[in-house]
Amino acid sequence: MAPGHKTTEAIGYAILALLLVMVPLFIGVIAFFVKINRRARAFAAATAAAEVEPDTLA
């Protein structure tokens, strides 16, 4: 198909629309995993700080 053809333009718009949907979706997925990772690290740090050695209780 030649440049400027209606089908070529439609495919271009379809690709643009797909990118406009997929890019924010991927950003959201990445942000979700970053958030989960930060929460897991904070939870691990809090758990490690809260642990008491059994020898210190006696």
C-alpha atoms as a PDB file:
ATOM      1  CA  MET A   1       0.000   0.000   0.000  1.00  0.00           C
ATOM      2  CA  ALA A   2       1.223   3.416  -0.811  1.00  0.00           C
ATOM      3  CA  PRO A   3       1.853   6.064   1.806  1.00  0.00           C
ATOM      4  CA  GLY A   4      -1.209   8.253   2.174  1.00  0.00           C
ATOM      5  CA  HIS A   5      -3.595   5.416   1.376  1.00  0.00           C
ATOM      6  CA  LYS A   6      -6.641   5.216   3.654  1.00  0.00           C
ATOM      7  CA  THR A   7      -5.752   1.740   4.866  1.00  0.00           C
ATOM      8  CA  THR A   8      -2.197   2.777   5.689  1.00  0.00           C
ATOM      9  CA  GLU A   9      -3.455   5.778   7.632  1.00  0.00           C
ATOM     10  CA  ALA A  10      -5.965   3.599   9.499  1.00  0.00           C
ATOM     11  CA  ILE A  11      -3.230   1.146  10.468  1.00  0.00           C
ATOM     12  CA  GLY A  12      -1.108   4.050  11.687  1.00  0.00           C
ATOM     13  CA  TYR A  13      -3.948   5.344  13.846  1.00  0.00           C
ATOM     14  CA  ALA A  14      -4.615   1.845  15.171  1.00  0.00           C
ATOM     15  CA  ILE A  15      -0.963   1.468  16.195  1.00  0.00           C
ATOM     16  CA  LEU A  16      -1.041   4.892  17.845  1.00  0.00           C
ATOM     17  CA  ALA A  17      -4.217   4.021  19.747  1.00  0.00           C
ATOM     18  CA  LEU A  18      -2.707   0.716  20.849  1.00  0.00           C
ATOM     19  CA  LEU A  19       0.401   2.483  22.135  1.00  0.00           C
ATOM     20  CA  LEU A  20      -1.702   5.080  23.948  1.00  0.00           C
ATOM     21  CA  VAL A  21      -3.427   2.244  25.806  1.00  0.00           C
ATOM     22  CA  MET A  22      -0.496  -0.122  26.348  1.00  0.00           C
ATOM     23  CA  VAL A  23       2.146   2.337  27.576  1.00  0.00           C
ATOM     24  CA  PRO A  24       0.141   3.542  30.612  1.00  0.00           C
ATOM     25  CA  LEU A  25      -0.873  -0.049  31.295  1.00  0.00           C
ATOM     26  CA  PHE A  26       2.766  -1.197  31.384  1.00  0.00           C
ATOM     27  CA  ILE A  27       3.709   1.789  33.537  1.00  0.00           C
ATOM     28  CA  GLY A  28       0.958   0.807  35.979  1.00  0.00           C
ATOM     29  CA  VAL A  29       2.140  -2.811  36.106  1.00  0.00           C
ATOM     30  CA  ILE A  30       5.733  -1.720  36.753  1.00  0.00           C
ATOM     31  CA  ALA A  31       4.595   0.738  39.436  1.00  0.00           C
ATOM     32  CA  PHE A  32       2.577  -2.037  41.099  1.00  0.00           C
ATOM     33  CA  PHE A  33       5.580  -4.349  41.311  1.00  0.00           C
ATOM     34  CA  VAL A  34       7.804  -1.546  42.602  1.00  0.00           C
ATOM     35  CA  LYS A  35       5.211  -0.775  45.296  1.00  0.00           C
ATOM     36  CA  ILE A  36       4.940  -4.440  46.290  1.00  0.00           C
ATOM     37  CA  ASN A  37       8.741  -4.709  46.445  1.00  0.00           C
ATOM     38  CA  ARG A  38       8.997  -1.630  48.677  1.00  0.00           C
ATOM     39  CA  ARG A  39       6.287  -2.940  50.994  1.00  0.00           C
ATOM     40  CA  ALA A  40       7.991  -6.325  51.214  1.00  0.00           C
ATOM     41  CA  ARG A  41      11.323  -4.704  52.090  1.00  0.00           C
ATOM     42  CA  ALA A  42       9.676  -2.498  54.727  1.00  0.00           C
ATOM     43  CA  PHE A  43       7.845  -5.481  56.195  1.00  0.00           C
ATOM     44  CA  ALA A  44      11.050  -7.547  56.273  1.00  0.00           C
ATOM     45  CA  ALA A  45      12.920  -4.716  57.991  1.00  0.00           C
ATOM     46  CA  ALA A  46      10.158  -4.239  60.561  1.00  0.00           C
ATOM     47  CA  THR A  47       9.961  -7.970  61.201  1.00  0.00           C
ATOM     48  CA  ALA A  48      13.727  -8.247  61.619  1.00  0.00           C
ATOM     49  CA  ALA A  49      13.758  -5.302  64.018  1.00  0.00           C
ATOM     50  CA  ALA A  50      10.895  -6.740  66.076  1.00  0.00           C
ATOM     51  CA  GLU A  51      12.451 -10.174  66.546  1.00  0.00           C
ATOM     52  CA  VAL A  52      13.702 -10.866  70.043  1.00  0.00           C
ATOM     53  CA  GLU A  53      16.398 -13.407  70.730  1.00  0.00           C
ATOM     54  CA  PRO A  54      15.264 -16.186  73.084  1.00  0.00           C
ATOM     55  CA  ASP A  55      18.510 -15.907  75.107  1.00  0.00           C
ATOM     56  CA  THR A  56      17.756 -12.286  76.063  1.00  0.00           C
ATOM     57  CA  LEU A  57      14.441 -13.241  77.701  1.00  0.00           C
ATOM     58  CA  ALA A  58      16.064 -15.297  80.461  1.00  0.00           C
END
